[in-house]
Amino acid sequence: MQKNFSSVQLVTCDEATYASAIVAILNDAIVTSTALYDYRPRPPEAMNTWFQAKRQGNFPVLGLVDDSQQLLGFGSYGTFRAWPAYKYTVEHSIYIRADQRSNGYGKTLLKALVEQAKQQNYHALIGAIDSQNQASIALHQQLGFQQVGLFPQIGFKFGHWLDVAFYQLTLNTPLQPQDG
């Protein structure tokens, strides 16, 4: 069932307003899925460091809210690898509240992140996806991401080994990339 998007708004998530909702969504993913390879829910104060890293890197935190300003899902990106030559590549993540999945919100957020990455002159977006997460894989493929790698058995959660698939979208930005 497709949800009516007229009552859903894309917002920039600030820490004061959205940290508790974001950590709740993350914690649900930690305890119920392999979308995050963490074992234990994160304490609320963990969001301080998370938001600080986003601010320092000038990385967006975008969310979708309903008419009552409840966060339905969020997405962001950050440093892919810490070496300077990777400066035009970011790794993104999208999480949708459990009761709001399959409404197209992931697609809306991923499109918004792609547009933000273009505006910030990034060249590649990388998504690391559990290889069994068919919904996320299908979403990425719909938006032109291609599988560029598979790392078998690099995670262990819920009593079994997990494979991670890497999906990449290459952008036509920046127009004049530079070393250094």
C-alpha atoms as a PDB file:
ATOM      1  CA  MET A   1       0.000   0.000   0.000  1.00  0.00           C
ATOM      2  CA  GLN A   2       1.410   3.380  -0.997  1.00  0.00           C
ATOM      3  CA  LYS A   3       1.062   6.063   1.638  1.00  0.00           C
ATOM      4  CA  ASN A   4      -0.229   9.527   0.767  1.00  0.00           C
ATOM      5  CA  PHE A   5       2.860  11.745   0.775  1.00  0.00           C
ATOM      6  CA  SER A   6       0.885  14.980   1.065  1.00  0.00           C
ATOM      7  CA  SER A   7       1.080  14.688   4.846  1.00  0.00           C
ATOM      8  CA  VAL A   8       4.772  13.747   4.943  1.00  0.00           C
ATOM      9  CA  GLN A   9       7.488  16.371   4.936  1.00  0.00           C
ATOM     10  CA  LEU A  10      11.239  16.142   4.350  1.00  0.00           C
ATOM     11  CA  VAL A  11      13.175  17.946   7.109  1.00  0.00           C
ATOM     12  CA  THR A  12      16.721  18.493   8.235  1.00  0.00           C
ATOM     13  CA  CYS A  13      17.033  16.741  11.581  1.00  0.00           C
ATOM     14  CA  ASP A  14      18.648  18.694  14.380  1.00  0.00           C
ATOM     15  CA  GLU A  15      19.915  17.017  17.524  1.00  0.00           C
ATOM     16  CA  ALA A  16      17.627  18.755  20.002  1.00  0.00           C
ATOM     17  CA  THR A  17      14.448  17.842  18.143  1.00  0.00           C
ATOM     18  CA  TYR A  18      15.197  14.424  16.646  1.00  0.00           C
ATOM     19  CA  ALA A  19      17.982  12.645  18.570  1.00  0.00           C
ATOM     20  CA  SER A  20      15.642  10.582  20.727  1.00  0.00           C
ATOM     21  CA  ALA A  21      13.527   9.476  17.753  1.00  0.00           C
ATOM     22  CA  ILE A  22      16.637   8.595  15.730  1.00  0.00           C
ATOM     23  CA  VAL A  23      18.150   6.499  18.516  1.00  0.00           C
ATOM     24  CA  ALA A  24      14.815   4.713  18.970  1.00  0.00           C
ATOM     25  CA  ILE A  25      14.755   3.800  15.259  1.00  0.00           C
ATOM     26  CA  LEU A  26      18.396   2.689  15.387  1.00  0.00           C
ATOM     27  CA  ASN A  27      17.842   0.627  18.523  1.00  0.00           C
ATOM     28  CA  ASP A  28      14.871  -1.147  16.993  1.00  0.00           C
ATOM     29  CA  ALA A  29      17.026  -2.033  13.970  1.00  0.00           C
ATOM     30  CA  ILE A  30      19.788  -3.295  16.286  1.00  0.00           C
ATOM     31  CA  VAL A  31      17.582  -5.652  18.290  1.00  0.00           C
ATOM     32  CA  THR A  32      15.274  -6.871  15.507  1.00  0.00           C
ATOM     33  CA  SER A  33      17.308  -6.958  12.284  1.00  0.00           C
ATOM     34  CA  THR A  34      20.653  -7.226  10.585  1.00  0.00           C
ATOM     35  CA  ALA A  35      20.364  -3.707   9.177  1.00  0.00           C
ATOM     36  CA  LEU A  36      22.913  -2.713  11.843  1.00  0.00           C
ATOM     37  CA  TYR A  37      25.637  -5.079  12.952  1.00  0.00           C
ATOM     38  CA  ASP A  38      25.531  -3.835  16.548  1.00  0.00           C
ATOM     39  CA  TYR A  39      24.527  -6.135  19.393  1.00  0.00           C
ATOM     40  CA  ARG A  40      23.347  -3.714  22.068  1.00  0.00           C
ATOM     41  CA  PRO A  41      21.001  -0.744  21.858  1.00  0.00           C
ATOM     42  CA  ARG A  42      22.711   2.619  21.985  1.00  0.00           C
ATOM     43  CA  PRO A  43      22.216   4.892  24.974  1.00  0.00           C
ATOM     44  CA  PRO A  44      20.664   8.302  24.280  1.00  0.00           C
ATOM     45  CA  GLU A  45      23.963  10.085  24.946  1.00  0.00           C
ATOM     46  CA  ALA A  46      25.546   8.240  21.995  1.00  0.00           C
ATOM     47  CA  MET A  47      23.667  10.622  19.743  1.00  0.00           C
ATOM     48  CA  ASN A  48      25.808  13.531  20.943  1.00  0.00           C
ATOM     49  CA  THR A  49      28.898  12.039  19.305  1.00  0.00           C
ATOM     50  CA  TRP A  50      26.906  10.932  16.247  1.00  0.00           C
ATOM     51  CA  PHE A  51      25.500  14.416  15.602  1.00  0.00           C
ATOM     52  CA  GLN A  52      28.865  16.031  16.337  1.00  0.00           C
ATOM     53  CA  ALA A  53      30.484  13.891  13.616  1.00  0.00           C
ATOM     54  CA  LYS A  54      27.727  14.867  11.178  1.00  0.00           C
ATOM     55  CA  ARG A  55      28.229  18.571  11.936  1.00  0.00           C
ATOM     56  CA  GLN A  56      32.025  18.372  11.677  1.00  0.00           C
ATOM     57  CA  GLY A  57      31.840  16.621   8.317  1.00  0.00           C
ATOM     58  CA  ASN A  58      29.030  18.854   7.029  1.00  0.00           C
ATOM     59  CA  PHE A  59      26.998  15.682   6.452  1.00  0.00           C
ATOM     60  CA  PRO A  60      23.205  15.939   6.196  1.00  0.00           C
ATOM     61  CA  VAL A  61      20.741  14.238   8.497  1.00  0.00           C
ATOM     62  CA  LEU A  62      17.441  14.192   6.647  1.00  0.00           C
ATOM     63  CA  GLY A  63      14.167  12.940   8.016  1.00  0.00           C
ATOM     64  CA  LEU A  64      10.580  12.402   7.034  1.00  0.00           C
ATOM     65  CA  VAL A  65       7.961  13.607   9.489  1.00  0.00           C
ATOM     66  CA  ASP A  66       4.190  13.320   9.541  1.00  0.00           C
ATOM     67  CA  ASP A  67       1.685  16.078  10.301  1.00  0.00           C
ATOM     68  CA  SER A  68       2.343  15.730  14.028  1.00  0.00           C
ATOM     69  CA  GLN A  69       6.116  16.063  13.414  1.00  0.00           C
ATOM     70  CA  GLN A  70       6.749  12.420  14.355  1.00  0.00           C
ATOM     71  CA  LEU A  71       9.870  11.044  12.678  1.00  0.00           C
ATOM     72  CA  LEU A  72       8.987   8.253  10.241  1.00  0.00           C
ATOM     73  CA  GLY A  73      12.540   7.592   9.097  1.00  0.00           C
ATOM     74  CA  PHE A  74      15.877   9.252   8.504  1.00  0.00           C
ATOM     75  CA  GLY A  75      18.939   9.071   6.315  1.00  0.00           C
ATOM     76  CA  SER A  76      22.434  10.418   6.376  1.00  0.00           C
ATOM     77  CA  TYR A  77      25.868   9.858   4.989  1.00  0.00           C
ATOM     78  CA  GLY A  78      29.382  10.151   6.285  1.00  0.00           C
ATOM     79  CA  THR A  79      32.998   9.394   5.623  1.00  0.00           C
ATOM     80  CA  PHE A  80      33.538   6.236   3.595  1.00  0.00           C
ATOM     81  CA  ARG A  81      37.205   5.810   4.498  1.00  0.00           C
ATOM     82  CA  ALA A  82      39.459   8.216   6.364  1.00  0.00           C
ATOM     83  CA  TRP A  83      42.191   8.683   3.741  1.00  0.00           C
ATOM     84  CA  PRO A  84      42.208  11.927   1.708  1.00  0.00           C
ATOM     85  CA  ALA A  85      41.846  10.307  -1.723  1.00  0.00           C
ATOM     86  CA  TYR A  86      38.361   9.105  -0.691  1.00  0.00           C
ATOM     87  CA  LYS A  87      37.160  12.678  -0.129  1.00  0.00           C
ATOM     88  CA  TYR A  88      34.628  12.465  -2.976  1.00  0.00           C
ATOM     89  CA  THR A  89      32.995   9.269  -1.679  1.00  0.00           C
ATOM     90  CA  VAL A  90      30.464   8.918   1.137  1.00  0.00           C
ATOM     91  CA  GLU A  91      28.689   5.967   2.739  1.00  0.00           C
ATOM     92  CA  HIS A  92      24.991   6.426   3.366  1.00  0.00           C
ATOM     93  CA  SER A  93      22.429   4.862   5.676  1.00  0.00           C
ATOM     94  CA  ILE A  94      18.649   4.971   5.726  1.00  0.00           C
ATOM     95  CA  TYR A  95      16.407   3.697   8.509  1.00  0.00           C
ATOM     96  CA  ILE A  96      12.628   3.671   8.520  1.00  0.00           C
ATOM     97  CA  ARG A  97      10.548   3.228  11.654  1.00  0.00           C
ATOM     98  CA  ALA A  98       9.274  -0.369  11.794  1.00  0.00           C
ATOM     99  CA  ASP A  99       5.600   0.581  11.534  1.00  0.00           C
ATOM    100  CA  GLN A 100       6.258   2.809   8.506  1.00  0.00           C
ATOM    101  CA  ARG A 101       8.180   0.466   6.207  1.00  0.00           C
ATOM    102  CA  SER A 102       6.943  -0.359   2.683  1.00  0.00           C
ATOM    103  CA  ASN A 103       5.422   3.096   2.195  1.00  0.00           C
ATOM    104  CA  GLY A 104       8.084   4.455  -0.163  1.00  0.00           C
ATOM    105  CA  TYR A 105       9.806   6.518   2.511  1.00  0.00           C
ATOM    106  CA  GLY A 106      13.193   4.892   1.938  1.00  0.00           C
ATOM    107  CA  LYS A 107      13.059   5.883  -1.719  1.00  0.00           C
ATOM    108  CA  THR A 108      12.159   9.457  -0.833  1.00  0.00           C
ATOM    109  CA  LEU A 109      15.069   9.696   1.610  1.00  0.00           C
ATOM    110  CA  LEU A 110      17.578   8.032  -0.711  1.00  0.00           C
ATOM    111  CA  LYS A 111      16.664  10.372  -3.579  1.00  0.00           C
ATOM    112  CA  ALA A 112      17.104  13.346  -1.239  1.00  0.00           C
ATOM    113  CA  LEU A 113      20.514  12.074  -0.110  1.00  0.00           C
ATOM    114  CA  VAL A 114      21.619  11.627  -3.721  1.00  0.00           C
ATOM    115  CA  GLU A 115      20.601  15.215  -4.497  1.00  0.00           C
ATOM    116  CA  GLN A 116      22.413  16.479  -1.397  1.00  0.00           C
ATOM    117  CA  ALA A 117      25.552  14.559  -2.403  1.00  0.00           C
ATOM    118  CA  LYS A 118      25.461  16.171  -5.849  1.00  0.00           C
ATOM    119  CA  GLN A 119      25.117  19.618  -4.287  1.00  0.00           C
ATOM    120  CA  GLN A 120      28.101  18.887  -2.037  1.00  0.00           C
ATOM    121  CA  ASN A 121      30.158  17.687  -5.032  1.00  0.00           C
ATOM    122  CA  TYR A 122      30.558  14.073  -4.024  1.00  0.00           C
ATOM    123  CA  HIS A 123      31.266  11.560  -6.772  1.00  0.00           C
ATOM    124  CA  ALA A 124      30.170   8.231  -5.293  1.00  0.00           C
ATOM    125  CA  LEU A 125      27.648   7.019  -2.741  1.00  0.00           C
ATOM    126  CA  ILE A 126      28.235   3.637  -1.144  1.00  0.00           C
ATOM    127  CA  GLY A 127      25.630   1.552   0.630  1.00  0.00           C
ATOM    128  CA  ALA A 128      26.721  -1.432   2.728  1.00  0.00           C
ATOM    129  CA  ILE A 129      23.690  -3.728   2.855  1.00  0.00           C
ATOM    130  CA  ASP A 130      23.167  -7.082   4.522  1.00  0.00           C
ATOM    131  CA  SER A 131      22.940  -9.455   1.550  1.00  0.00           C
ATOM    132  CA  GLN A 132      19.624 -10.860   2.814  1.00  0.00           C
ATOM    133  CA  ASN A 133      17.958  -7.421   2.941  1.00  0.00           C
ATOM    134  CA  GLN A 134      16.117  -7.770  -0.365  1.00  0.00           C
ATOM    135  CA  ALA A 135      13.969  -4.660   0.166  1.00  0.00           C
ATOM    136  CA  SER A 136      17.013  -2.413   0.560  1.00  0.00           C
ATOM    137  CA  ILE A 137      18.796  -4.050  -2.354  1.00  0.00           C
ATOM    138  CA  ALA A 138      15.749  -3.573  -4.605  1.00  0.00           C
ATOM    139  CA  LEU A 139      15.472   0.081  -3.547  1.00  0.00           C
ATOM    140  CA  HIS A 140      19.105   0.752  -4.389  1.00  0.00           C
ATOM    141  CA  GLN A 141      18.813  -0.996  -7.742  1.00  0.00           C
ATOM    142  CA  GLN A 142      15.687   1.051  -8.602  1.00  0.00           C
ATOM    143  CA  LEU A 143      17.716   4.230  -8.155  1.00  0.00           C
ATOM    144  CA  GLY A 144      20.637   3.061 -10.284  1.00  0.00           C
ATOM    145  CA  PHE A 145      22.993   1.675  -7.650  1.00  0.00           C
ATOM    146  CA  GLN A 146      25.040  -1.311  -8.773  1.00  0.00           C
ATOM    147  CA  GLN A 147      26.509  -4.075  -6.664  1.00  0.00           C
ATOM    148  CA  VAL A 148      30.270  -3.588  -6.653  1.00  0.00           C
ATOM    149  CA  GLY A 149      31.291  -6.074  -4.002  1.00  0.00           C
ATOM    150  CA  LEU A 150      30.248  -8.864  -1.704  1.00  0.00           C
ATOM    151  CA  PHE A 151      32.047  -9.610   1.526  1.00  0.00           C
ATOM    152  CA  PRO A 152      31.007 -13.078   2.664  1.00  0.00           C
ATOM    153  CA  GLN A 153      30.799 -13.972   6.333  1.00  0.00           C
ATOM    154  CA  ILE A 154      32.237 -10.730   7.708  1.00  0.00           C
ATOM    155  CA  GLY A 155      29.565 -10.247  10.365  1.00  0.00           C
ATOM    156  CA  PHE A 156      28.100 -12.558  12.997  1.00  0.00           C
ATOM    157  CA  LYS A 157      24.720 -11.852  14.558  1.00  0.00           C
ATOM    158  CA  PHE A 158      21.687 -13.864  15.657  1.00  0.00           C
ATOM    159  CA  GLY A 159      23.775 -17.034  15.602  1.00  0.00           C
ATOM    160  CA  HIS A 160      24.913 -16.997  12.009  1.00  0.00           C
ATOM    161  CA  TRP A 161      27.408 -15.455   9.612  1.00  0.00           C
ATOM    162  CA  LEU A 162      26.345 -12.417   7.607  1.00  0.00           C
ATOM    163  CA  ASP A 163      27.413 -11.292   4.154  1.00  0.00           C
ATOM    164  CA  VAL A 164      27.603  -7.611   3.244  1.00  0.00           C
ATOM    165  CA  ALA A 165      26.921  -6.391  -0.276  1.00  0.00           C
ATOM    166  CA  PHE A 166      28.308  -3.019  -1.349  1.00  0.00           C
ATOM    167  CA  TYR A 167      26.191  -0.949  -3.733  1.00  0.00           C
ATOM    168  CA  GLN A 168      27.506   2.163  -5.476  1.00  0.00           C
ATOM    169  CA  LEU A 169      26.007   5.066  -7.365  1.00  0.00           C
ATOM    170  CA  THR A 170      28.501   7.142  -9.328  1.00  0.00           C
ATOM    171  CA  LEU A 171      27.566  10.778  -9.838  1.00  0.00           C
ATOM    172  CA  ASN A 172      28.812  13.228 -12.465  1.00  0.00           C
ATOM    173  CA  THR A 173      30.094  15.577  -9.760  1.00  0.00           C
ATOM    174  CA  PRO A 174      32.466  17.252  -9.051  1.00  0.00           C
ATOM    175  CA  LEU A 175      33.154  18.864 -12.390  1.00  0.00           C
ATOM    176  CA  GLN A 176      36.799  19.559 -11.542  1.00  0.00           C
ATOM    177  CA  PRO A 177      38.080  17.123  -8.905  1.00  0.00           C
ATOM    178  CA  GLN A 178      41.455  17.914  -7.393  1.00  0.00           C
ATOM    179  CA  ASP A 179      44.164  16.017  -5.545  1.00  0.00           C
ATOM    180  CA  GLY A 180      45.048  17.091  -2.045  1.00  0.00           C
END
